């Protein structure tokens, strides 16, 4: 909401709402905002490989978030440093192993420094919340069932579904 207010107040426009684009987890944040904030200043919504309701949960996601409590207790540091060591040889020797996170046909993996900009240390509280979301299958934030609330929203909406996403399969993105 703060970001939306800032954009509207600092942009030369007569519009009273902004269009939002979310990708993957960013889509969940976008949908949570419009579901939880009455009269959110939002126009159209675009989801790119986004998710709210887990239909097909990939094995890697099930495994990582099997225990929300355990996922929330893990404090991992130095993720970008580890990725800096592992990514270049992996991209060269076994690029298919990166397919969960990066589509080698649409991403230039010859420049790992660009990809490394997207790698951050996991936030334990967020990991716990994701674990709860995976086990519940529906996104619930502050007692608002975002998954169910979406059917009542009247925003123009475009969903772009990835055909090879190791984290958000098409059925989940469509849900």
Protein backbone atom coordinates (compact mmCIF):
# COMPACT_ATOMS: atom_id res chain seq x y z
CA UNK A 1 0.00 0.00 0.00
CA UNK A 2 2.80 2.41 0.85
CA UNK A 3 4.50 1.76 -2.49
CA UNK A 4 1.23 2.26 -4.38
CA UNK A 5 0.56 5.53 -2.54
CA UNK A 6 4.09 6.73 -3.29
CA UNK A 7 3.80 5.95 -7.01
CA UNK A 8 0.45 7.73 -7.31
CA UNK A 9 1.64 10.76 -5.34
CA UNK A 10 4.95 11.10 -7.22
CA UNK A 11 3.83 10.41 -10.78
CA UNK A 12 2.22 12.85 -13.16
CA UNK A 13 -1.07 11.09 -13.69
CA UNK A 14 -4.73 11.64 -13.19
CA UNK A 15 -5.19 7.96 -12.41
CA UNK A 16 -6.33 6.91 -8.96
CA UNK A 17 -5.03 3.32 -9.19
CA UNK A 18 -1.94 1.49 -10.39
CA UNK A 19 -1.66 -1.71 -12.37
CA UNK A 20 0.36 -4.41 -10.62
CA UNK A 21 2.61 -7.08 -12.10
CA UNK A 22 3.73 -9.96 -9.91
CA UNK A 23 6.06 -12.84 -10.67
CA UNK A 24 6.07 -16.06 -8.64
CA UNK A 25 5.95 -15.09 -4.95
CA UNK A 26 5.43 -11.46 -6.00
CA UNK A 27 2.05 -12.52 -7.38
CA UNK A 28 1.06 -13.84 -3.96
CA UNK A 29 2.01 -10.49 -2.43
CA UNK A 30 0.01 -8.62 -5.08
CA UNK A 31 -3.08 -10.81 -4.58
CA UNK A 32 -2.78 -10.59 -0.79
CA UNK A 33 -2.84 -6.81 -1.00
CA UNK A 34 -5.97 -6.61 -3.14
CA UNK A 35 -7.70 -9.34 -1.10
CA UNK A 36 -6.90 -7.85 2.30
CA UNK A 37 -7.14 -4.11 1.66
CA UNK A 38 -10.66 -2.85 1.01
CA UNK A 39 -10.72 -0.35 -1.86
CA UNK A 40 -7.04 -0.97 -2.66
CA UNK A 41 -5.86 1.58 -5.21
CA UNK A 42 -5.21 -1.14 -7.78
CA UNK A 43 -6.40 -1.39 -11.38
CA UNK A 44 -5.34 -4.39 -13.44
CA UNK A 45 -3.39 -7.41 -12.21
CA UNK A 46 -0.80 -9.42 -14.16
CA UNK A 47 0.52 -12.70 -12.81
CA UNK A 48 3.67 -14.26 -14.28
CA UNK A 49 4.10 -17.84 -13.08
CA UNK A 50 2.32 -16.77 -9.94
CA UNK A 51 0.59 -18.76 -7.28
CA UNK A 52 -1.96 -18.47 -4.52
CA UNK A 53 -3.36 -22.01 -4.24
CA UNK A 54 -1.02 -25.00 -4.38
CA UNK A 55 -2.52 -27.63 -6.71
CA UNK A 56 0.61 -29.58 -7.64
CA UNK A 57 3.38 -29.22 -5.07
CA UNK A 58 6.77 -30.18 -6.53
CA UNK A 59 8.71 -32.76 -4.53
CA UNK A 60 11.50 -30.28 -3.79
CA UNK A 61 9.00 -27.82 -2.30
CA UNK A 62 7.27 -30.55 -0.28
CA UNK A 63 10.64 -31.69 1.03
CA UNK A 64 11.93 -28.24 1.96
CA UNK A 65 8.71 -27.22 3.70
CA UNK A 66 7.59 -30.56 5.16
CA UNK A 67 7.84 -29.06 8.64
CA UNK A 68 6.93 -25.35 8.75
CA UNK A 69 8.44 -25.10 12.23
CA UNK A 70 11.74 -26.58 11.07
CA UNK A 71 11.75 -24.43 7.91
CA UNK A 72 11.26 -21.38 10.12
CA UNK A 73 14.03 -22.37 12.51
CA UNK A 74 16.74 -22.69 9.85
CA UNK A 75 18.99 -19.64 9.71
CA UNK A 76 21.01 -19.83 6.52
CA UNK A 77 23.71 -17.26 5.85
CA UNK A 78 25.99 -16.72 2.87
CA UNK A 79 23.57 -18.00 0.25
CA UNK A 80 24.85 -15.65 -2.44
CA UNK A 81 28.49 -16.62 -1.67
CA UNK A 82 27.60 -20.33 -1.94
CA UNK A 83 25.71 -19.71 -5.18
CA UNK A 84 28.71 -17.76 -6.54
CA UNK A 85 30.87 -20.86 -6.03
CA UNK A 86 28.34 -23.44 -7.27
CA UNK A 87 26.49 -21.67 -10.10
CA UNK A 88 29.27 -21.26 -12.70
CA UNK A 89 30.43 -24.91 -12.72
CA UNK A 90 26.84 -26.13 -12.50
CA UNK A 91 25.78 -23.91 -15.41
CA UNK A 92 28.67 -25.27 -17.46
CA UNK A 93 28.53 -28.96 -16.54
CA UNK A 94 24.88 -29.62 -15.69
CA UNK A 95 22.60 -26.74 -16.68
CA UNK A 96 19.53 -28.99 -16.43
CA UNK A 97 20.01 -29.11 -12.66
CA UNK A 98 19.32 -25.37 -12.60
CA UNK A 99 15.96 -25.92 -14.32
CA UNK A 100 14.07 -25.60 -11.02
CA UNK A 101 15.11 -21.97 -10.79
CA UNK A 102 16.34 -20.90 -14.21
CA UNK A 103 15.14 -21.79 -17.71
CA UNK A 104 18.39 -22.13 -19.65
CA UNK A 105 16.63 -21.48 -22.98
CA UNK A 106 15.35 -18.06 -21.93
CA UNK A 107 18.05 -17.01 -19.46
CA UNK A 108 21.65 -16.22 -20.29
CA UNK A 109 23.43 -18.41 -17.74
CA UNK A 110 26.82 -17.40 -19.14
CA UNK A 111 26.63 -14.32 -16.91
CA UNK A 112 26.17 -15.77 -13.42
CA UNK A 113 26.73 -12.40 -11.70
CA UNK A 114 23.44 -11.19 -13.14
CA UNK A 115 21.59 -14.23 -11.80
CA UNK A 116 23.33 -13.95 -8.42
CA UNK A 117 21.67 -10.57 -7.90
CA UNK A 118 18.42 -12.49 -7.32
CA UNK A 119 19.88 -14.72 -4.58
CA UNK A 120 19.31 -13.68 -0.97
CA UNK A 121 19.53 -15.41 2.39
CA UNK A 122 16.20 -17.05 3.26
CA UNK A 123 14.12 -15.30 5.93
CA UNK A 124 13.18 -17.86 8.60
CA UNK A 125 9.75 -16.37 9.39
CA UNK A 126 8.87 -16.26 5.70
CA UNK A 127 10.00 -19.88 5.29
CA UNK A 128 7.72 -20.91 8.17
CA UNK A 129 4.81 -19.05 6.57
CA UNK A 130 5.51 -20.67 3.19
CA UNK A 131 5.60 -24.08 4.92
CA UNK A 132 2.19 -23.41 6.47
CA UNK A 133 0.87 -22.26 3.09
CA UNK A 134 2.17 -25.41 1.34
CA UNK A 135 0.61 -27.71 3.96
CA UNK A 136 -2.70 -25.80 3.94
CA UNK A 137 -2.56 -25.44 0.12
CA UNK A 138 -4.39 -22.09 0.35
CA UNK A 139 -2.80 -18.72 1.04
CA UNK A 140 -4.09 -17.25 4.30
CA UNK A 141 -2.65 -13.97 5.59
CA UNK A 142 -3.90 -12.27 8.78
CA UNK A 143 -7.01 -14.48 8.77
CA UNK A 144 -7.86 -13.57 5.16
CA UNK A 145 -8.09 -16.59 2.89
CA UNK A 146 -6.56 -14.98 -0.20
CA UNK A 147 -7.22 -18.10 -2.30
CA UNK A 148 -10.97 -17.87 -1.71
CA UNK A 149 -11.23 -14.09 -1.69
CA UNK A 150 -9.85 -13.81 -5.23
CA UNK A 151 -13.09 -15.13 -6.72
CA UNK A 152 -14.88 -12.02 -5.43
CA UNK A 153 -12.47 -9.50 -6.95
CA UNK A 154 -13.42 -7.62 -10.11
CA UNK A 155 -9.99 -6.46 -11.32
CA UNK A 156 -9.00 -7.03 -14.95
CA UNK A 157 -6.56 -9.93 -14.80
CA UNK A 158 -3.96 -11.59 -17.02
CA UNK A 159 -2.21 -14.80 -16.03
CA UNK A 160 0.97 -15.87 -17.79
CA UNK A 161 1.71 -19.52 -17.07
CA UNK A 162 5.23 -20.87 -17.41
CA UNK A 163 5.45 -24.16 -19.27
CA UNK A 164 8.65 -25.24 -17.48
CA UNK A 165 8.75 -23.94 -13.92
CA UNK A 166 10.21 -26.27 -11.31
CA UNK A 167 8.58 -24.43 -8.40
CA UNK A 168 5.21 -23.26 -9.76
CA UNK A 169 3.77 -25.89 -12.12
CA UNK A 170 1.07 -24.83 -14.60
CA UNK A 171 -1.84 -26.29 -12.57
CA UNK A 172 -0.74 -24.29 -9.54
CA UNK A 173 -0.30 -21.11 -11.54
CA UNK A 174 -3.72 -21.51 -13.15
CA UNK A 175 -5.38 -22.11 -9.77
